[in-house]
Amino acid sequence: MININQQLAENLARVRLRIQSAAEAARRDANDVQLVAVTKYVDASITASLLAAGCSVLGESRPQQLWDKAAQPELAKAQWHLIGHLQRNKVQRTLPLVDLIHSVDSERLLASINNAAIGQDRCARVLLEVNCSGDESKHGLSADGLKEIVPLLANFSSVEVCGLMTMAAREGGPTAAARNFATLRELRDQVALNCPPNVNLTELSMGMSHDFEVAIREGATLVRVGSLLFEGLRG
């Protein structure tokens, strides 16, 4: 019989070791790379076991799942990130639960988040999602769209834009992923030169279970890892 707690602890240790090794290979400090554990495919019980193992930053793709898990007493100490698409009609309920939203991809969504943050007397921390792969099935601003929206960010006084997020192309393997991640880093460096005061583009959210080491090499500060953390739990 599988000991779930032991398996999760071992998986977490392996992922952290890989993050450290990738950071060292890139001559970076591993402490500058935050693991975001993506829990969308596991229930609240397993998520709580992962939290108990020492992984406190958790990511959910769907607001409804985040709402459900955030309401569980055993997950009260989790720090939640929303990493998936956010519809404007779900902003009001999501905002009080999250430390960071990775997936802001329009001026209209920014306006909704800003208005909700004002009403809740808080400052919302977000990343702007950029579609660096050009994949039409993916959400995200184009490179030109990012450059157009940055000067407008000063209008959203209750939103702190902390950085950028992207997903690598579905095809092309590590080479394509590296190209997409490098594009995000280069875009960040370009637009960071002329940002409003509420914009501090220090964070780069990029890389998942299959390509996070490539992302770290290209400058990721947040890596979104899911399946690797839950290997061996079924069967």
C-alpha atoms as a PDB file:
ATOM      1  CA  MET A   1       0.000   0.000   0.000  1.00  0.00           C
ATOM      2  CA  ILE A   2       1.252   3.450  -0.900  1.00  0.00           C
ATOM      3  CA  ASN A   3       2.179   5.761   1.960  1.00  0.00           C
ATOM      4  CA  ILE A   4       0.838   8.988   0.474  1.00  0.00           C
ATOM      5  CA  ASN A   5       2.645  11.323   2.848  1.00  0.00           C
ATOM      6  CA  GLN A   6       5.984   9.627   2.275  1.00  0.00           C
ATOM      7  CA  GLN A   7       5.498   9.553  -1.505  1.00  0.00           C
ATOM      8  CA  LEU A   8       4.605  13.248  -1.612  1.00  0.00           C
ATOM      9  CA  ALA A   9       7.592  14.157   0.554  1.00  0.00           C
ATOM     10  CA  GLU A  10       9.924  12.182  -1.730  1.00  0.00           C
ATOM     11  CA  ASN A  11       8.438  13.714  -4.877  1.00  0.00           C
ATOM     12  CA  LEU A  12       8.699  17.208  -3.424  1.00  0.00           C
ATOM     13  CA  ALA A  13      12.330  16.631  -2.455  1.00  0.00           C
ATOM     14  CA  ARG A  14      13.135  15.425  -5.990  1.00  0.00           C
ATOM     15  CA  VAL A  15      11.503  18.450  -7.606  1.00  0.00           C
ATOM     16  CA  ARG A  16      13.302  20.833  -5.270  1.00  0.00           C
ATOM     17  CA  LEU A  17      16.601  19.138  -6.003  1.00  0.00           C
ATOM     18  CA  ARG A  18      15.984  19.528  -9.736  1.00  0.00           C
ATOM     19  CA  ILE A  19      15.172  23.212  -9.225  1.00  0.00           C
ATOM     20  CA  GLN A  20      18.401  23.654  -7.277  1.00  0.00           C
ATOM     21  CA  SER A  21      20.456  21.825  -9.897  1.00  0.00           C
ATOM     22  CA  ALA A  22      18.919  23.819 -12.751  1.00  0.00           C
ATOM     23  CA  ALA A  23      19.532  27.075 -10.919  1.00  0.00           C
ATOM     24  CA  GLU A  24      23.138  26.185 -10.173  1.00  0.00           C
ATOM     25  CA  ALA A  25      23.711  25.205 -13.801  1.00  0.00           C
ATOM     26  CA  ALA A  26      22.404  28.633 -14.804  1.00  0.00           C
ATOM     27  CA  ARG A  27      24.580  30.304 -12.133  1.00  0.00           C
ATOM     28  CA  ARG A  28      21.505  31.444 -10.268  1.00  0.00           C
ATOM     29  CA  ASP A  29      20.465  31.232  -6.620  1.00  0.00           C
ATOM     30  CA  ALA A  30      17.840  28.495  -6.206  1.00  0.00           C
ATOM     31  CA  ASN A  31      16.168  30.674  -3.568  1.00  0.00           C
ATOM     32  CA  ASP A  32      15.212  33.041  -6.389  1.00  0.00           C
ATOM     33  CA  VAL A  33      12.985  30.352  -7.940  1.00  0.00           C
ATOM     34  CA  GLN A  34       9.609  29.768  -6.263  1.00  0.00           C
ATOM     35  CA  LEU A  35       7.880  26.416  -6.706  1.00  0.00           C
ATOM     36  CA  VAL A  36       4.139  26.780  -7.302  1.00  0.00           C
ATOM     37  CA  ALA A  37       2.543  23.366  -6.773  1.00  0.00           C
ATOM     38  CA  VAL A  38      -0.305  22.901  -9.225  1.00  0.00           C
ATOM     39  CA  THR A  39      -3.016  20.952  -7.437  1.00  0.00           C
ATOM     40  CA  LYS A  40      -5.804  20.931 -10.014  1.00  0.00           C
ATOM     41  CA  TYR A  41      -5.778  17.142 -10.502  1.00  0.00           C
ATOM     42  CA  VAL A  42      -5.794  16.144  -6.825  1.00  0.00           C
ATOM     43  CA  ASP A  43      -8.386  16.464  -4.084  1.00  0.00           C
ATOM     44  CA  ALA A  44      -8.231  18.570  -0.934  1.00  0.00           C
ATOM     45  CA  SER A  45      -6.916  15.668   1.158  1.00  0.00           C
ATOM     46  CA  ILE A  46      -3.852  15.100  -1.016  1.00  0.00           C
ATOM     47  CA  THR A  47      -3.379  18.852  -1.329  1.00  0.00           C
ATOM     48  CA  ALA A  48      -3.365  19.092   2.467  1.00  0.00           C
ATOM     49  CA  SER A  49      -0.741  16.357   2.647  1.00  0.00           C
ATOM     50  CA  LEU A  50       1.436  18.300   0.218  1.00  0.00           C
ATOM     51  CA  LEU A  51       1.003  21.420   2.347  1.00  0.00           C
ATOM     52  CA  ALA A  52       2.004  19.418   5.429  1.00  0.00           C
ATOM     53  CA  ALA A  53       5.107  18.239   3.569  1.00  0.00           C
ATOM     54  CA  GLY A  54       6.235  21.848   3.377  1.00  0.00           C
ATOM     55  CA  CYS A  55       4.912  23.095   0.042  1.00  0.00           C
ATOM     56  CA  SER A  56       2.831  26.151   0.925  1.00  0.00           C
ATOM     57  CA  VAL A  57       2.451  27.949  -2.429  1.00  0.00           C
ATOM     58  CA  LEU A  58      -0.341  26.243  -4.346  1.00  0.00           C
ATOM     59  CA  GLY A  59      -1.709  26.965  -7.802  1.00  0.00           C
ATOM     60  CA  GLU A  60      -5.150  26.282  -9.243  1.00  0.00           C
ATOM     61  CA  SER A  61      -6.263  26.758 -12.836  1.00  0.00           C
ATOM     62  CA  ARG A  62     -10.003  27.089 -12.257  1.00  0.00           C
ATOM     63  CA  PRO A  63     -11.483  29.649  -9.873  1.00  0.00           C
ATOM     64  CA  GLN A  64     -14.229  27.295  -8.690  1.00  0.00           C
ATOM     65  CA  GLN A  65     -11.702  24.655  -7.624  1.00  0.00           C
ATOM     66  CA  LEU A  66      -9.665  27.310  -5.863  1.00  0.00           C
ATOM     67  CA  TRP A  67     -12.778  28.511  -4.010  1.00  0.00           C
ATOM     68  CA  ASP A  68     -13.580  24.979  -2.882  1.00  0.00           C
ATOM     69  CA  LYS A  69     -10.082  24.168  -1.669  1.00  0.00           C
ATOM     70  CA  ALA A  70      -9.485  27.524  -0.017  1.00  0.00           C
ATOM     71  CA  ALA A  71     -12.598  26.881   2.084  1.00  0.00           C
ATOM     72  CA  GLN A  72     -11.134  23.682   3.580  1.00  0.00           C
ATOM     73  CA  PRO A  73      -9.841  24.192   7.150  1.00  0.00           C
ATOM     74  CA  GLU A  74      -6.849  21.912   6.534  1.00  0.00           C
ATOM     75  CA  LEU A  75      -5.721  24.252   3.745  1.00  0.00           C
ATOM     76  CA  ALA A  76      -6.065  27.476   5.720  1.00  0.00           C
ATOM     77  CA  LYS A  77      -2.310  28.104   5.716  1.00  0.00           C
ATOM     78  CA  ALA A  78      -1.872  27.716   1.953  1.00  0.00           C
ATOM     79  CA  GLN A  79      -0.824  30.656  -0.189  1.00  0.00           C
ATOM     80  CA  TRP A  80      -2.976  30.448  -3.327  1.00  0.00           C
ATOM     81  CA  HIS A  81      -2.066  31.464  -6.853  1.00  0.00           C
ATOM     82  CA  LEU A  82      -4.582  31.454  -9.697  1.00  0.00           C
ATOM     83  CA  ILE A  83      -2.661  30.269 -12.745  1.00  0.00           C
ATOM     84  CA  GLY A  84      -5.517  29.718 -15.210  1.00  0.00           C
ATOM     85  CA  HIS A  85      -7.908  31.929 -17.118  1.00  0.00           C
ATOM     86  CA  LEU A  86     -10.007  34.281 -14.993  1.00  0.00           C
ATOM     87  CA  GLN A  87     -13.393  35.496 -16.192  1.00  0.00           C
ATOM     88  CA  ARG A  88     -14.455  38.929 -15.042  1.00  0.00           C
ATOM     89  CA  ASN A  89     -17.578  37.617 -13.313  1.00  0.00           C
ATOM     90  CA  LYS A  90     -15.377  35.510 -11.018  1.00  0.00           C
ATOM     91  CA  VAL A  91     -13.003  38.283  -9.946  1.00  0.00           C
ATOM     92  CA  GLN A  92     -14.989  39.468  -6.911  1.00  0.00           C
ATOM     93  CA  ARG A  93     -15.008  36.077  -5.214  1.00  0.00           C
ATOM     94  CA  THR A  94     -11.485  35.058  -6.242  1.00  0.00           C
ATOM     95  CA  LEU A  95      -9.562  38.158  -5.237  1.00  0.00           C
ATOM     96  CA  PRO A  96      -9.701  37.787  -1.430  1.00  0.00           C
ATOM     97  CA  LEU A  97      -8.394  34.224  -1.662  1.00  0.00           C
ATOM     98  CA  VAL A  98      -5.275  34.664  -3.777  1.00  0.00           C
ATOM     99  CA  ASP A  99      -1.822  36.083  -3.256  1.00  0.00           C
ATOM    100  CA  LEU A 100      -1.113  36.302  -6.985  1.00  0.00           C
ATOM    101  CA  ILE A 101      -3.047  36.019 -10.255  1.00  0.00           C
ATOM    102  CA  HIS A 102      -0.776  34.798 -13.064  1.00  0.00           C
ATOM    103  CA  SER A 103      -3.162  35.134 -15.983  1.00  0.00           C
ATOM    104  CA  VAL A 104      -4.269  38.718 -16.644  1.00  0.00           C
ATOM    105  CA  ASP A 105      -4.615  39.114 -20.382  1.00  0.00           C
ATOM    106  CA  SER A 106      -6.721  42.189 -21.123  1.00  0.00           C
ATOM    107  CA  GLU A 107      -7.390  45.774 -20.106  1.00  0.00           C
ATOM    108  CA  ARG A 108     -11.009  44.845 -19.303  1.00  0.00           C
ATOM    109  CA  LEU A 109      -9.888  42.173 -16.856  1.00  0.00           C
ATOM    110  CA  LEU A 110      -7.452  44.619 -15.264  1.00  0.00           C
ATOM    111  CA  ALA A 111     -10.292  47.091 -14.813  1.00  0.00           C
ATOM    112  CA  SER A 112     -12.478  44.443 -13.160  1.00  0.00           C
ATOM    113  CA  ILE A 113      -9.681  43.426 -10.804  1.00  0.00           C
ATOM    114  CA  ASN A 114      -8.933  47.051  -9.965  1.00  0.00           C
ATOM    115  CA  ASN A 115     -12.573  47.838  -9.201  1.00  0.00           C
ATOM    116  CA  ALA A 116     -12.931  44.741  -7.015  1.00  0.00           C
ATOM    117  CA  ALA A 117      -9.697  45.568  -5.188  1.00  0.00           C
ATOM    118  CA  ILE A 118     -10.919  49.107  -4.464  1.00  0.00           C
ATOM    119  CA  GLY A 119     -14.200  47.739  -3.122  1.00  0.00           C
ATOM    120  CA  GLN A 120     -12.353  45.256  -0.915  1.00  0.00           C
ATOM    121  CA  ASP A 121      -9.762  47.801   0.238  1.00  0.00           C
ATOM    122  CA  ARG A 122      -6.848  45.722  -0.984  1.00  0.00           C
ATOM    123  CA  CYS A 123      -4.113  45.790  -3.595  1.00  0.00           C
ATOM    124  CA  ALA A 124      -4.285  42.948  -6.109  1.00  0.00           C
ATOM    125  CA  ARG A 125      -0.998  41.390  -7.178  1.00  0.00           C
ATOM    126  CA  VAL A 126      -1.017  40.129 -10.764  1.00  0.00           C
ATOM    127  CA  LEU A 127       1.115  38.983 -13.665  1.00  0.00           C
ATOM    128  CA  LEU A 128       0.372  39.795 -17.295  1.00  0.00           C
ATOM    129  CA  GLU A 129       0.019  36.680 -19.442  1.00  0.00           C
ATOM    130  CA  VAL A 130       1.790  36.832 -22.803  1.00  0.00           C
ATOM    131  CA  ASN A 131       1.280  34.362 -25.643  1.00  0.00           C
ATOM    132  CA  CYS A 132       4.904  33.936 -26.688  1.00  0.00           C
ATOM    133  CA  SER A 133       4.283  30.787 -28.726  1.00  0.00           C
ATOM    134  CA  GLY A 134       1.649  32.249 -31.034  1.00  0.00           C
ATOM    135  CA  ASP A 135      -0.557  29.227 -30.330  1.00  0.00           C
ATOM    136  CA  GLU A 136      -4.128  30.325 -31.065  1.00  0.00           C
ATOM    137  CA  SER A 137      -5.506  27.967 -28.411  1.00  0.00           C
ATOM    138  CA  LYS A 138      -3.653  29.823 -25.665  1.00  0.00           C
ATOM    139  CA  HIS A 139      -4.734  32.940 -23.823  1.00  0.00           C
ATOM    140  CA  GLY A 140      -2.418  35.893 -23.475  1.00  0.00           C
ATOM    141  CA  LEU A 141      -1.404  39.245 -24.856  1.00  0.00           C
ATOM    142  CA  SER A 142       0.662  39.487 -28.002  1.00  0.00           C
ATOM    143  CA  ALA A 143       4.056  41.175 -27.765  1.00  0.00           C
ATOM    144  CA  ASP A 144       2.581  44.322 -29.301  1.00  0.00           C
ATOM    145  CA  GLY A 145      -0.427  44.077 -26.982  1.00  0.00           C
ATOM    146  CA  LEU A 146       1.872  43.965 -23.970  1.00  0.00           C
ATOM    147  CA  LYS A 147       3.722  47.056 -25.118  1.00  0.00           C
ATOM    148  CA  GLU A 148       0.423  48.866 -25.646  1.00  0.00           C
ATOM    149  CA  ILE A 149      -1.031  47.973 -22.261  1.00  0.00           C
ATOM    150  CA  VAL A 150       1.989  48.809 -20.080  1.00  0.00           C
ATOM    151  CA  PRO A 151       1.521  52.633 -20.231  1.00  0.00           C
ATOM    152  CA  LEU A 152      -2.151  52.150 -19.280  1.00  0.00           C
ATOM    153  CA  LEU A 153      -1.289  50.302 -16.059  1.00  0.00           C
ATOM    154  CA  ALA A 154      -0.963  53.600 -14.200  1.00  0.00           C
ATOM    155  CA  ASN A 155      -4.770  53.858 -14.411  1.00  0.00           C
ATOM    156  CA  PHE A 156      -5.174  50.824 -12.129  1.00  0.00           C
ATOM    157  CA  SER A 157      -4.016  52.158  -8.774  1.00  0.00           C
ATOM    158  CA  SER A 158      -5.187  49.121  -6.772  1.00  0.00           C
ATOM    159  CA  VAL A 159      -3.333  46.617  -8.959  1.00  0.00           C
ATOM    160  CA  GLU A 160       0.356  45.831  -8.572  1.00  0.00           C
ATOM    161  CA  VAL A 161       1.756  44.245 -11.723  1.00  0.00           C
ATOM    162  CA  CYS A 162       4.620  42.068 -10.506  1.00  0.00           C
ATOM    163  CA  GLY A 163       5.776  40.456 -13.744  1.00  0.00           C
ATOM    164  CA  LEU A 164       4.852  38.328 -16.731  1.00  0.00           C
ATOM    165  CA  MET A 165       3.675  34.773 -17.414  1.00  0.00           C
ATOM    166  CA  THR A 166       3.734  32.505 -20.447  1.00  0.00           C
ATOM    167  CA  MET A 167       3.261  28.900 -21.538  1.00  0.00           C
ATOM    168  CA  ALA A 168       5.581  27.184 -23.995  1.00  0.00           C
ATOM    169  CA  ALA A 169       4.442  25.912 -27.378  1.00  0.00           C
ATOM    170  CA  ARG A 170       2.801  22.486 -27.424  1.00  0.00           C
ATOM    171  CA  GLU A 171       5.153  21.327 -30.171  1.00  0.00           C
ATOM    172  CA  GLY A 172       8.886  21.694 -30.584  1.00  0.00           C
ATOM    173  CA  GLY A 173      10.179  20.341 -27.284  1.00  0.00           C
ATOM    174  CA  PRO A 174      12.870  22.042 -25.187  1.00  0.00           C
ATOM    175  CA  THR A 175      14.181  24.098 -28.111  1.00  0.00           C
ATOM    176  CA  ALA A 176      10.835  25.776 -28.735  1.00  0.00           C
ATOM    177  CA  ALA A 177      10.253  26.166 -24.998  1.00  0.00           C
ATOM    178  CA  ALA A 178      13.606  27.884 -24.532  1.00  0.00           C
ATOM    179  CA  ARG A 179      12.788  30.251 -27.385  1.00  0.00           C
ATOM    180  CA  ASN A 180       9.389  31.124 -25.894  1.00  0.00           C
ATOM    181  CA  PHE A 181      10.843  31.661 -22.421  1.00  0.00           C
ATOM    182  CA  ALA A 182      13.676  33.801 -23.754  1.00  0.00           C
ATOM    183  CA  THR A 183      11.103  35.886 -25.636  1.00  0.00           C
ATOM    184  CA  LEU A 184       9.229  36.578 -22.396  1.00  0.00           C
ATOM    185  CA  ARG A 185      12.408  37.579 -20.590  1.00  0.00           C
ATOM    186  CA  GLU A 186      13.436  39.886 -23.445  1.00  0.00           C
ATOM    187  CA  LEU A 187       9.977  41.468 -23.574  1.00  0.00           C
ATOM    188  CA  ARG A 188      10.145  42.056 -19.838  1.00  0.00           C
ATOM    189  CA  ASP A 189      13.514  43.746 -20.184  1.00  0.00           C
ATOM    190  CA  GLN A 190      12.175  45.999 -22.947  1.00  0.00           C
ATOM    191  CA  VAL A 191       8.963  47.159 -21.293  1.00  0.00           C
ATOM    192  CA  ALA A 192      10.527  47.453 -17.820  1.00  0.00           C
ATOM    193  CA  LEU A 193      12.450  50.495 -18.992  1.00  0.00           C
ATOM    194  CA  ASN A 194       9.336  52.691 -19.004  1.00  0.00           C
ATOM    195  CA  CYS A 195       6.870  51.380 -16.463  1.00  0.00           C
ATOM    196  CA  PRO A 196       4.408  53.240 -14.220  1.00  0.00           C
ATOM    197  CA  PRO A 197       5.113  53.228 -10.455  1.00  0.00           C
ATOM    198  CA  ASN A 198       2.667  50.379  -9.761  1.00  0.00           C
ATOM    199  CA  VAL A 199       4.568  48.061 -12.090  1.00  0.00           C
ATOM    200  CA  ASN A 200       7.574  46.051 -10.928  1.00  0.00           C
ATOM    201  CA  LEU A 201       8.330  43.322 -13.450  1.00  0.00           C
ATOM    202  CA  THR A 202      10.591  41.178 -11.281  1.00  0.00           C
ATOM    203  CA  GLU A 203       8.601  37.948 -11.635  1.00  0.00           C
ATOM    204  CA  LEU A 204       8.647  35.589 -14.625  1.00  0.00           C
ATOM    205  CA  SER A 205       6.170  32.717 -14.310  1.00  0.00           C
ATOM    206  CA  MET A 206       7.158  30.091 -16.847  1.00  0.00           C
ATOM    207  CA  GLY A 207       7.846  26.394 -16.947  1.00  0.00           C
ATOM    208  CA  MET A 208       5.799  23.363 -15.957  1.00  0.00           C
ATOM    209  CA  SER A 209       6.599  19.749 -15.066  1.00  0.00           C
ATOM    210  CA  HIS A 210       8.087  18.931 -18.468  1.00  0.00           C
ATOM    211  CA  ASP A 211      10.085  22.109 -19.063  1.00  0.00           C
ATOM    212  CA  PHE A 212      10.703  23.962 -15.775  1.00  0.00           C
ATOM    213  CA  GLU A 213      14.454  23.379 -15.933  1.00  0.00           C
ATOM    214  CA  VAL A 214      14.576  25.074 -19.337  1.00  0.00           C
ATOM    215  CA  ALA A 215      12.539  27.927 -17.866  1.00  0.00           C
ATOM    216  CA  ILE A 216      14.940  28.346 -14.954  1.00  0.00           C
ATOM    217  CA  ARG A 217      17.817  28.574 -17.408  1.00  0.00           C
ATOM    218  CA  GLU A 218      15.960  31.391 -19.161  1.00  0.00           C
ATOM    219  CA  GLY A 219      15.217  33.329 -15.968  1.00  0.00           C
ATOM    220  CA  ALA A 220      12.005  31.935 -14.440  1.00  0.00           C
ATOM    221  CA  THR A 221      11.298  33.064 -10.892  1.00  0.00           C
ATOM    222  CA  LEU A 222       8.053  31.056 -10.575  1.00  0.00           C
ATOM    223  CA  VAL A 223       7.712  27.503 -11.911  1.00  0.00           C
ATOM    224  CA  ARG A 224       4.305  25.800 -12.029  1.00  0.00           C
ATOM    225  CA  VAL A 225       4.817  22.094 -11.333  1.00  0.00           C
ATOM    226  CA  GLY A 226       1.983  19.597 -10.944  1.00  0.00           C
ATOM    227  CA  SER A 227       2.254  16.018 -12.204  1.00  0.00           C
ATOM    228  CA  LEU A 228       5.803  15.418 -10.941  1.00  0.00           C
ATOM    229  CA  LEU A 229       4.645  16.067  -7.384  1.00  0.00           C
ATOM    230  CA  PHE A 230       1.969  13.379  -7.541  1.00  0.00           C
ATOM    231  CA  GLU A 231       3.814  10.532  -9.270  1.00  0.00           C
ATOM    232  CA  GLY A 232       3.226   7.125  -7.752  1.00  0.00           C
ATOM    233  CA  LEU A 233       0.020   7.990  -5.926  1.00  0.00           C
ATOM    234  CA  ARG A 234      -2.202   5.826  -8.142  1.00  0.00           C
ATOM    235  CA  GLY A 235      -1.252   2.221  -8.406  1.00  0.00           C
END
